[in-house]
Protein backbone atom coordinates (compact mmCIF):
# COMPACT_ATOMS: atom_id res chain seq x y z
CA MET A 1 -19.68 -148.33 47.41
CA THR A 2 -16.41 -149.96 46.38
CA THR A 3 -15.31 -152.86 45.87
CA GLU A 4 -12.67 -152.54 48.88
CA LYS A 5 -15.62 -150.92 51.08
CA ALA A 6 -18.25 -153.55 50.54
CA ASN A 7 -15.51 -156.73 50.97
CA ASN A 8 -14.80 -155.04 54.45
CA VAL A 9 -18.63 -154.99 55.12
CA LEU A 10 -18.76 -158.36 54.35
CA SER A 11 -15.78 -159.38 56.65
CA PHE A 12 -17.69 -157.61 59.24
CA PHE A 13 -20.58 -160.29 59.01
CA SER A 14 -20.13 -164.29 58.60
CA TYR A 15 -21.83 -167.41 58.89
CA THR A 16 -20.12 -168.33 62.31
CA MET A 17 -20.95 -164.50 64.26
CA LEU A 18 -24.63 -165.53 62.51
CA LYS A 19 -24.75 -168.57 63.79
CA ALA A 20 -23.53 -167.55 67.54
CA THR A 21 -26.20 -164.90 67.43
CA LEU A 22 -28.82 -167.33 66.88
CA VAL A 23 -27.29 -169.99 69.29
CA GLY A 24 -27.25 -167.26 71.85
CA GLY A 25 -30.82 -165.87 71.17
CA THR A 26 -32.61 -169.70 71.02
CA ILE A 27 -30.72 -169.76 74.40
CA GLY A 28 -32.51 -166.31 75.68
CA LEU A 29 -36.00 -167.47 73.99
CA GLY A 30 -36.10 -170.98 75.42
CA LEU A 31 -35.24 -169.47 79.32
CA ILE A 32 -37.58 -166.91 78.87
CA LEU A 33 -40.35 -169.00 77.49
CA LEU A 34 -39.58 -171.64 80.10
CA PHE A 35 -39.92 -168.76 83.10
CA LEU A 36 -43.23 -167.48 81.60
CA LEU A 37 -44.84 -170.54 81.19
CA SER A 38 -44.13 -171.66 84.84
CA ALA A 39 -44.57 -168.02 86.52
CA GLY A 40 -48.40 -168.08 85.80
CA ALA A 41 -50.78 -165.70 85.06
CA GLY A 42 -49.54 -161.92 85.61
CA ASP A 43 -51.14 -159.18 87.62
CA PRO A 44 -54.31 -158.03 85.52
CA ALA A 45 -53.08 -154.47 86.29
CA TRP A 46 -50.74 -155.09 83.67
CA PRO A 47 -50.78 -154.20 79.74
CA LYS A 48 -52.67 -156.89 77.87
CA TYR A 49 -49.47 -158.24 75.68
CA TRP A 50 -46.92 -157.52 78.24
CA GLN A 51 -45.36 -160.94 77.28
CA VAL A 52 -44.36 -159.71 74.20
CA LYS A 53 -41.41 -157.21 75.71
CA PRO A 54 -39.81 -160.20 77.60
CA LEU A 55 -39.88 -162.23 74.41
CA LEU A 56 -38.16 -159.92 72.05
CA VAL A 57 -35.56 -158.50 74.61
CA VAL A 58 -34.27 -161.44 76.26
CA PRO A 59 -33.57 -162.86 72.72
CA ILE A 60 -32.04 -160.04 71.53
CA ALA A 61 -29.67 -159.53 74.65
CA GLY A 62 -28.49 -163.48 74.08
CA GLY A 63 -27.80 -162.89 70.42
CA LEU A 64 -25.65 -159.82 71.91
CA GLY A 65 -23.99 -162.42 74.46
CA GLY A 66 -23.71 -164.90 71.13
CA ILE A 67 -21.68 -162.05 69.61
CA PHE A 68 -19.17 -161.33 71.90
CA TYR A 69 -18.51 -165.09 72.18
CA HIS A 70 -17.84 -164.92 68.49
CA TYR A 71 -15.11 -162.27 69.03
CA MET A 72 -13.41 -163.94 71.16
CA ASN A 73 -12.17 -166.53 68.79
CA ASP A 74 -9.29 -165.18 68.23
CA VAL A 75 -8.18 -165.21 71.78
CA ARG A 76 -9.50 -168.76 71.97
CA SER A 77 -7.47 -170.03 69.17
CA ARG A 78 -4.11 -169.02 70.87
CA GLY A 79 -4.85 -172.25 73.21
CA GLY A 80 -3.28 -172.15 76.89
CA TRP A 81 -4.55 -170.38 79.66
CA GLN A 82 -5.90 -167.51 77.07
CA ARG A 83 -8.25 -170.05 76.08
CA ILE A 84 -9.40 -170.79 79.32
CA ALA A 85 -9.66 -167.15 80.32
CA ALA A 86 -11.68 -166.42 77.10
CA ASP A 87 -14.27 -169.44 77.78
CA ILE A 88 -14.82 -167.54 81.07
CA LEU A 89 -14.76 -164.12 80.10
CA SER A 90 -17.28 -165.59 77.43
CA LEU A 91 -19.61 -167.30 79.94
CA VAL A 92 -19.75 -164.14 82.27
CA VAL A 93 -20.39 -161.76 79.38
CA PHE A 94 -23.16 -164.13 78.01
CA LEU A 95 -24.60 -164.36 81.32
CA PHE A 96 -24.55 -160.60 82.14
CA CYS A 97 -26.32 -160.26 78.89
CA LEU A 98 -29.14 -162.53 80.03
CA TRP A 99 -29.68 -161.28 83.16
CA ILE A 100 -29.45 -157.66 81.68
CA GLY A 101 -31.67 -158.65 79.37
CA SER A 102 -34.22 -160.47 81.48
CA VAL A 103 -34.28 -157.49 83.60
CA LEU A 104 -34.93 -155.11 81.22
CA GLY A 105 -37.93 -157.20 79.42
CA LEU A 106 -39.23 -157.90 83.00
CA ASN A 107 -39.15 -154.58 84.28
CA GLY A 108 -42.79 -153.23 85.15
CA THR A 109 -43.88 -156.53 85.50
CA TYR A 110 -42.26 -159.23 87.65
CA TRP A 111 -39.05 -157.42 88.14
CA ASN A 112 -39.99 -154.49 90.45
């Protein structure tokens, strides 16, 4: 791999993107943990370790929402109405990612 290609690959990954991904994933993990702890025991017909699926899928979906938030920073930095629009769009996409992650994670158990 040439130095130019290596720099392009490294410019795709950044500390701020990692931070946004971790924040989004932590929010997703916290929300699904709260739900699973408050929902009580599951149906005995469900697999033994059914909780693992939502505990993996929802934080990944939250991390993807965090990545989208990170990539909206260019629009957000322009200020004015574009900042407001980027913030609203980022929030909607993040909530959508959490919702889809919850649906996919709880599919076959609580989500029927």
